[in-house]
Amino acid sequence: MAGNKVKKVNKVKITISGPPGSGTTTIAKKISEKLRIPLISAGDLFRKLARERGMTVEEFGRYAESNPDIDMLIDKTQKEEAASLDACVVEGRLSGWMVDNASLKVLIFAEDRVRFERIAKREKKPVEIAKRETLARENIERERYKKYYGIEIDNWGIYDLIINSTSFAADEVVEVILKALEFRIK
């Protein structure tokens, strides 16, 4: 599967989870393309819901903070979509927890400094603001996940593969995941 031998796979579900700025979206998109299987992205679902309500992503984010039904809808939708497919890549903070029959559950993380720099660049804002907003968001999410699902998001024991993306390019992380998938689906 790795390198040039990539072909469409059947009956494989990969979850890609990790904190903001770790590279999960980029990596999940690349895996989806390489394996030619659908991508179910929590971020894409969030943006779609924002558009449907005529809000910007930022406006919808503020709205979602005080409306837990939004997160629950995204989680439920992601879980149902994954269950309806034989093969897919599922990306999101809780995807490893939400997809019961995943072939491979992956957690991507990066050093905080690197995550904050990536977020600042992506959102075109100073690093200090990105840091403050990200840490606040993570604390709120940690509490919500515990309250609504009983999930300890910092428990990495559910994952089959944990990768530090700090010093690896996205394509290198993708190759590691594809190699691990080869071992898993032999």
C-alpha atoms as a PDB file:
ATOM      1  CA  MET A   1       0.000   0.000   0.000  1.00  0.00           C
ATOM      2  CA  ALA A   2       2.822   2.412   0.738  1.00  0.00           C
ATOM      3  CA  GLY A   3       4.627   4.298  -1.985  1.00  0.00           C
ATOM      4  CA  ASN A   4       3.500   3.693  -5.557  1.00  0.00           C
ATOM      5  CA  LYS A   5       1.666   0.474  -4.727  1.00  0.00           C
ATOM      6  CA  VAL A   6      -1.400   2.327  -3.409  1.00  0.00           C
ATOM      7  CA  LYS A   7      -4.692   0.855  -4.570  1.00  0.00           C
ATOM      8  CA  LYS A   8      -8.272   1.148  -3.480  1.00  0.00           C
ATOM      9  CA  VAL A   9      -8.946  -0.908  -0.379  1.00  0.00           C
ATOM     10  CA  ASN A  10     -12.180  -2.487   0.723  1.00  0.00           C
ATOM     11  CA  LYS A  11     -13.560  -2.804   4.219  1.00  0.00           C
ATOM     12  CA  VAL A  12     -11.017  -0.623   5.961  1.00  0.00           C
ATOM     13  CA  LYS A  13     -11.862   2.149   8.374  1.00  0.00           C
ATOM     14  CA  ILE A  14      -9.167   4.436   9.713  1.00  0.00           C
ATOM     15  CA  THR A  15      -9.749   7.030  12.405  1.00  0.00           C
ATOM     16  CA  ILE A  16      -7.449  10.028  12.671  1.00  0.00           C
ATOM     17  CA  SER A  17      -7.702  11.986  15.907  1.00  0.00           C
ATOM     18  CA  GLY A  18      -5.600  14.602  17.619  1.00  0.00           C
ATOM     19  CA  PRO A  19      -5.568  18.064  19.099  1.00  0.00           C
ATOM     20  CA  PRO A  20      -5.941  21.209  16.972  1.00  0.00           C
ATOM     21  CA  GLY A  21      -2.830  22.010  14.954  1.00  0.00           C
ATOM     22  CA  SER A  22      -1.452  18.489  15.005  1.00  0.00           C
ATOM     23  CA  GLY A  23      -2.127  17.905  11.301  1.00  0.00           C
ATOM     24  CA  THR A  24      -5.070  15.516  11.463  1.00  0.00           C
ATOM     25  CA  THR A  25      -7.070  17.139   8.664  1.00  0.00           C
ATOM     26  CA  THR A  26      -4.153  17.312   6.232  1.00  0.00           C
ATOM     27  CA  ILE A  27      -3.117  13.735   6.979  1.00  0.00           C
ATOM     28  CA  ALA A  28      -6.672  12.350   6.785  1.00  0.00           C
ATOM     29  CA  LYS A  29      -7.220  14.017   3.395  1.00  0.00           C
ATOM     30  CA  LYS A  30      -3.980  12.562   2.042  1.00  0.00           C
ATOM     31  CA  ILE A  31      -4.838   9.050   3.262  1.00  0.00           C
ATOM     32  CA  SER A  32      -8.336   9.301   1.811  1.00  0.00           C
ATOM     33  CA  GLU A  33      -6.877  10.322  -1.566  1.00  0.00           C
ATOM     34  CA  LYS A  34      -4.147   7.672  -1.552  1.00  0.00           C
ATOM     35  CA  LEU A  35      -6.537   4.860  -0.642  1.00  0.00           C
ATOM     36  CA  ARG A  36      -9.356   6.296  -2.761  1.00  0.00           C
ATOM     37  CA  ILE A  37     -11.883   5.975   0.052  1.00  0.00           C
ATOM     38  CA  PRO A  38     -14.286   8.593   1.437  1.00  0.00           C
ATOM     39  CA  LEU A  39     -13.253  11.062   4.115  1.00  0.00           C
ATOM     40  CA  ILE A  40     -15.646  11.903   6.926  1.00  0.00           C
ATOM     41  CA  SER A  41     -14.344  15.035   8.598  1.00  0.00           C
ATOM     42  CA  ALA A  42     -15.777  16.566  11.766  1.00  0.00           C
ATOM     43  CA  GLY A  43     -14.430  19.928  10.599  1.00  0.00           C
ATOM     44  CA  ASP A  44     -16.184  19.610   7.244  1.00  0.00           C
ATOM     45  CA  LEU A  45     -19.444  18.723   9.009  1.00  0.00           C
ATOM     46  CA  PHE A  46     -19.001  21.754  11.276  1.00  0.00           C
ATOM     47  CA  ARG A  47     -18.436  24.080   8.303  1.00  0.00           C
ATOM     48  CA  LYS A  48     -21.458  22.597   6.482  1.00  0.00           C
ATOM     49  CA  LEU A  49     -23.705  23.223   9.496  1.00  0.00           C
ATOM     50  CA  ALA A  50     -22.399  26.801   9.733  1.00  0.00           C
ATOM     51  CA  ARG A  51     -23.229  27.427   6.055  1.00  0.00           C
ATOM     52  CA  GLU A  52     -26.693  25.894   6.477  1.00  0.00           C
ATOM     53  CA  ARG A  53     -27.361  28.371   9.296  1.00  0.00           C
ATOM     54  CA  GLY A  54     -25.934  31.339   7.368  1.00  0.00           C
ATOM     55  CA  MET A  55     -23.063  31.809   9.845  1.00  0.00           C
ATOM     56  CA  THR A  56     -19.321  32.129   9.510  1.00  0.00           C
ATOM     57  CA  VAL A  57     -17.267  29.356  11.097  1.00  0.00           C
ATOM     58  CA  GLU A  58     -16.266  31.739  13.907  1.00  0.00           C
ATOM     59  CA  GLU A  59     -19.897  32.758  14.570  1.00  0.00           C
ATOM     60  CA  PHE A  60     -20.989  29.149  14.528  1.00  0.00           C
ATOM     61  CA  GLY A  61     -18.132  28.207  16.867  1.00  0.00           C
ATOM     62  CA  ARG A  62     -19.356  30.736  19.426  1.00  0.00           C
ATOM     63  CA  TYR A  63     -22.903  29.469  18.963  1.00  0.00           C
ATOM     64  CA  ALA A  64     -21.790  25.832  19.419  1.00  0.00           C
ATOM     65  CA  GLU A  65     -20.007  26.658  22.694  1.00  0.00           C
ATOM     66  CA  SER A  66     -23.357  27.339  24.334  1.00  0.00           C
ATOM     67  CA  ASN A  67     -25.311  24.731  22.352  1.00  0.00           C
ATOM     68  CA  PRO A  68     -23.975  21.229  23.055  1.00  0.00           C
ATOM     69  CA  ASP A  69     -26.485  19.801  20.586  1.00  0.00           C
ATOM     70  CA  ILE A  70     -24.173  20.941  17.771  1.00  0.00           C
ATOM     71  CA  ASP A  71     -21.240  18.784  18.921  1.00  0.00           C
ATOM     72  CA  MET A  72     -23.546  15.871  19.590  1.00  0.00           C
ATOM     73  CA  LEU A  73     -25.059  16.202  16.101  1.00  0.00           C
ATOM     74  CA  ILE A  74     -21.599  16.251  14.513  1.00  0.00           C
ATOM     75  CA  ASP A  75     -20.481  13.218  16.551  1.00  0.00           C
ATOM     76  CA  LYS A  76     -23.705  11.306  15.782  1.00  0.00           C
ATOM     77  CA  THR A  77     -23.527  12.164  12.071  1.00  0.00           C
ATOM     78  CA  GLN A  78     -19.880  11.126  11.853  1.00  0.00           C
ATOM     79  CA  LYS A  79     -20.607   7.833  13.620  1.00  0.00           C
ATOM     80  CA  GLU A  80     -23.629   7.062  11.412  1.00  0.00           C
ATOM     81  CA  GLU A  81     -21.793   7.928   8.178  1.00  0.00           C
ATOM     82  CA  ALA A  82     -18.848   5.706   9.153  1.00  0.00           C
ATOM     83  CA  ALA A  83     -21.211   2.849  10.033  1.00  0.00           C
ATOM     84  CA  SER A  84     -22.897   3.122   6.628  1.00  0.00           C
ATOM     85  CA  LEU A  85     -19.629   2.665   4.705  1.00  0.00           C
ATOM     86  CA  ASP A  86     -17.367  -0.342   4.215  1.00  0.00           C
ATOM     87  CA  ALA A  87     -14.279   1.828   3.852  1.00  0.00           C
ATOM     88  CA  CYS A  88     -13.530   5.359   4.999  1.00  0.00           C
ATOM     89  CA  VAL A  89     -11.175   7.680   6.822  1.00  0.00           C
ATOM     90  CA  VAL A  90     -12.828   9.380   9.792  1.00  0.00           C
ATOM     91  CA  GLU A  91     -11.151  12.526  11.104  1.00  0.00           C
ATOM     92  CA  GLY A  92     -12.016  14.373  14.279  1.00  0.00           C
ATOM     93  CA  ARG A  93     -11.150  14.796  17.937  1.00  0.00           C
ATOM     94  CA  LEU A  94     -13.497  11.977  18.950  1.00  0.00           C
ATOM     95  CA  SER A  95     -13.370   9.765  15.867  1.00  0.00           C
ATOM     96  CA  GLY A  96     -11.255   7.141  17.636  1.00  0.00           C
ATOM     97  CA  TRP A  97     -13.954   6.949  20.296  1.00  0.00           C
ATOM     98  CA  MET A  98     -16.932   7.098  17.928  1.00  0.00           C
ATOM     99  CA  VAL A  99     -16.026   4.481  15.313  1.00  0.00           C
ATOM    100  CA  ASP A 100     -16.385   1.089  16.949  1.00  0.00           C
ATOM    101  CA  ASN A 101     -15.111  -1.150  14.170  1.00  0.00           C
ATOM    102  CA  ALA A 102     -12.095   0.808  12.964  1.00  0.00           C
ATOM    103  CA  SER A 103      -9.306  -1.179  11.330  1.00  0.00           C
ATOM    104  CA  LEU A 104      -6.747   1.303  12.642  1.00  0.00           C
ATOM    105  CA  LYS A 105      -7.153   4.074  15.217  1.00  0.00           C
ATOM    106  CA  VAL A 106      -4.483   6.755  14.905  1.00  0.00           C
ATOM    107  CA  LEU A 107      -3.664   9.662  17.185  1.00  0.00           C
ATOM    108  CA  ILE A 108      -1.551  12.486  15.800  1.00  0.00           C
ATOM    109  CA  PHE A 109      -0.007  14.987  18.212  1.00  0.00           C
ATOM    110  CA  ALA A 110       2.613  17.705  18.059  1.00  0.00           C
ATOM    111  CA  GLU A 111       4.489  19.879  20.507  1.00  0.00           C
ATOM    112  CA  ASP A 112       2.315  22.749  21.722  1.00  0.00           C
ATOM    113  CA  ARG A 113       4.625  25.394  20.280  1.00  0.00           C
ATOM    114  CA  VAL A 114       4.360  23.823  16.828  1.00  0.00           C
ATOM    115  CA  ARG A 115       0.584  23.428  17.072  1.00  0.00           C
ATOM    116  CA  PHE A 116       0.098  27.066  18.065  1.00  0.00           C
ATOM    117  CA  GLU A 117       2.352  28.231  15.225  1.00  0.00           C
ATOM    118  CA  ARG A 118       0.429  26.115  12.700  1.00  0.00           C
ATOM    119  CA  ILE A 119      -2.921  27.425  13.933  1.00  0.00           C
ATOM    120  CA  ALA A 120      -1.676  31.028  13.935  1.00  0.00           C
ATOM    121  CA  LYS A 121      -0.485  30.675  10.343  1.00  0.00           C
ATOM    122  CA  ARG A 122      -3.688  28.953   9.185  1.00  0.00           C
ATOM    123  CA  GLU A 123      -5.952  31.493  10.906  1.00  0.00           C
ATOM    124  CA  LYS A 124      -3.713  34.486  10.187  1.00  0.00           C
ATOM    125  CA  LYS A 125      -3.387  35.618  13.802  1.00  0.00           C
ATOM    126  CA  PRO A 126      -0.566  36.144  16.296  1.00  0.00           C
ATOM    127  CA  VAL A 127       0.818  32.995  17.934  1.00  0.00           C
ATOM    128  CA  GLU A 128      -0.039  34.229  21.449  1.00  0.00           C
ATOM    129  CA  ILE A 129      -3.698  34.649  20.506  1.00  0.00           C
ATOM    130  CA  ALA A 130      -3.763  31.238  18.819  1.00  0.00           C
ATOM    131  CA  LYS A 131      -2.209  29.727  21.950  1.00  0.00           C
ATOM    132  CA  ARG A 132      -4.693  31.365  24.320  1.00  0.00           C
ATOM    133  CA  GLU A 133      -7.722  30.456  22.179  1.00  0.00           C
ATOM    134  CA  THR A 134      -6.556  26.889  21.582  1.00  0.00           C
ATOM    135  CA  LEU A 135      -5.858  26.166  25.247  1.00  0.00           C
ATOM    136  CA  ALA A 136      -9.249  27.599  26.228  1.00  0.00           C
ATOM    137  CA  ARG A 137     -10.974  25.525  23.537  1.00  0.00           C
ATOM    138  CA  GLU A 138      -9.192  22.356  24.619  1.00  0.00           C
ATOM    139  CA  ASN A 139     -10.192  22.848  28.252  1.00  0.00           C
ATOM    140  CA  ILE A 140     -13.830  23.399  27.291  1.00  0.00           C
ATOM    141  CA  GLU A 141     -13.777  20.345  25.006  1.00  0.00           C
ATOM    142  CA  ARG A 142     -12.126  18.194  27.680  1.00  0.00           C
ATOM    143  CA  GLU A 143     -14.925  19.051  30.106  1.00  0.00           C
ATOM    144  CA  ARG A 144     -17.671  18.543  27.490  1.00  0.00           C
ATOM    145  CA  TYR A 145     -16.357  15.156  26.365  1.00  0.00           C
ATOM    146  CA  LYS A 146     -16.238  13.977  29.971  1.00  0.00           C
ATOM    147  CA  LYS A 147     -19.691  15.360  30.796  1.00  0.00           C
ATOM    148  CA  TYR A 148     -21.551  14.174  27.679  1.00  0.00           C
ATOM    149  CA  TYR A 149     -19.757  10.933  26.829  1.00  0.00           C
ATOM    150  CA  GLY A 150     -17.660   9.979  29.852  1.00  0.00           C
ATOM    151  CA  ILE A 151     -14.593  10.245  27.588  1.00  0.00           C
ATOM    152  CA  GLU A 152     -11.189  11.137  29.008  1.00  0.00           C
ATOM    153  CA  ILE A 153      -9.729  12.710  25.855  1.00  0.00           C
ATOM    154  CA  ASP A 154      -6.203  12.509  27.301  1.00  0.00           C
ATOM    155  CA  ASN A 155      -6.468   8.708  27.556  1.00  0.00           C
ATOM    156  CA  TRP A 156      -4.498   7.545  24.547  1.00  0.00           C
ATOM    157  CA  GLY A 157      -4.964   3.846  25.350  1.00  0.00           C
ATOM    158  CA  ILE A 158      -7.647   3.364  22.692  1.00  0.00           C
ATOM    159  CA  TYR A 159      -5.276   4.107  19.801  1.00  0.00           C
ATOM    160  CA  ASP A 160      -3.363   1.543  17.764  1.00  0.00           C
ATOM    161  CA  LEU A 161      -0.806   4.047  16.521  1.00  0.00           C
ATOM    162  CA  ILE A 162       0.381   7.337  18.051  1.00  0.00           C
ATOM    163  CA  ILE A 163       2.540   9.667  15.967  1.00  0.00           C
ATOM    164  CA  ASN A 164       4.317  12.882  16.895  1.00  0.00           C
ATOM    165  CA  SER A 165       3.987  15.117  13.825  1.00  0.00           C
ATOM    166  CA  THR A 166       6.363  17.757  15.193  1.00  0.00           C
ATOM    167  CA  SER A 167       9.368  16.677  13.138  1.00  0.00           C
ATOM    168  CA  PHE A 168       7.734  14.800  10.285  1.00  0.00           C
ATOM    169  CA  ALA A 169       6.186  16.152   7.107  1.00  0.00           C
ATOM    170  CA  ALA A 170       2.569  15.209   6.480  1.00  0.00           C
ATOM    171  CA  ASP A 171       3.560  12.816   3.672  1.00  0.00           C
ATOM    172  CA  GLU A 172       5.956  11.018   6.017  1.00  0.00           C
ATOM    173  CA  VAL A 173       3.218  10.590   8.633  1.00  0.00           C
ATOM    174  CA  VAL A 174       0.917   9.252   5.918  1.00  0.00           C
ATOM    175  CA  GLU A 175       3.521   6.657   4.902  1.00  0.00           C
ATOM    176  CA  VAL A 176       3.881   5.487   8.532  1.00  0.00           C
ATOM    177  CA  ILE A 177       0.099   5.098   8.823  1.00  0.00           C
ATOM    178  CA  LEU A 178      -0.152   3.210   5.525  1.00  0.00           C
ATOM    179  CA  LYS A 179       2.643   0.869   6.614  1.00  0.00           C
ATOM    180  CA  ALA A 180       0.850   0.200   9.921  1.00  0.00           C
ATOM    181  CA  LEU A 181      -2.350  -0.448   7.973  1.00  0.00           C
ATOM    182  CA  GLU A 182      -0.515  -3.070   5.883  1.00  0.00           C
ATOM    183  CA  PHE A 183       0.307  -4.974   9.084  1.00  0.00           C
ATOM    184  CA  ARG A 184      -3.254  -4.612  10.345  1.00  0.00           C
ATOM    185  CA  ILE A 185      -5.076  -5.907   7.248  1.00  0.00           C
ATOM    186  CA  LYS A 186      -2.739  -8.740   6.196  1.00  0.00           C
END
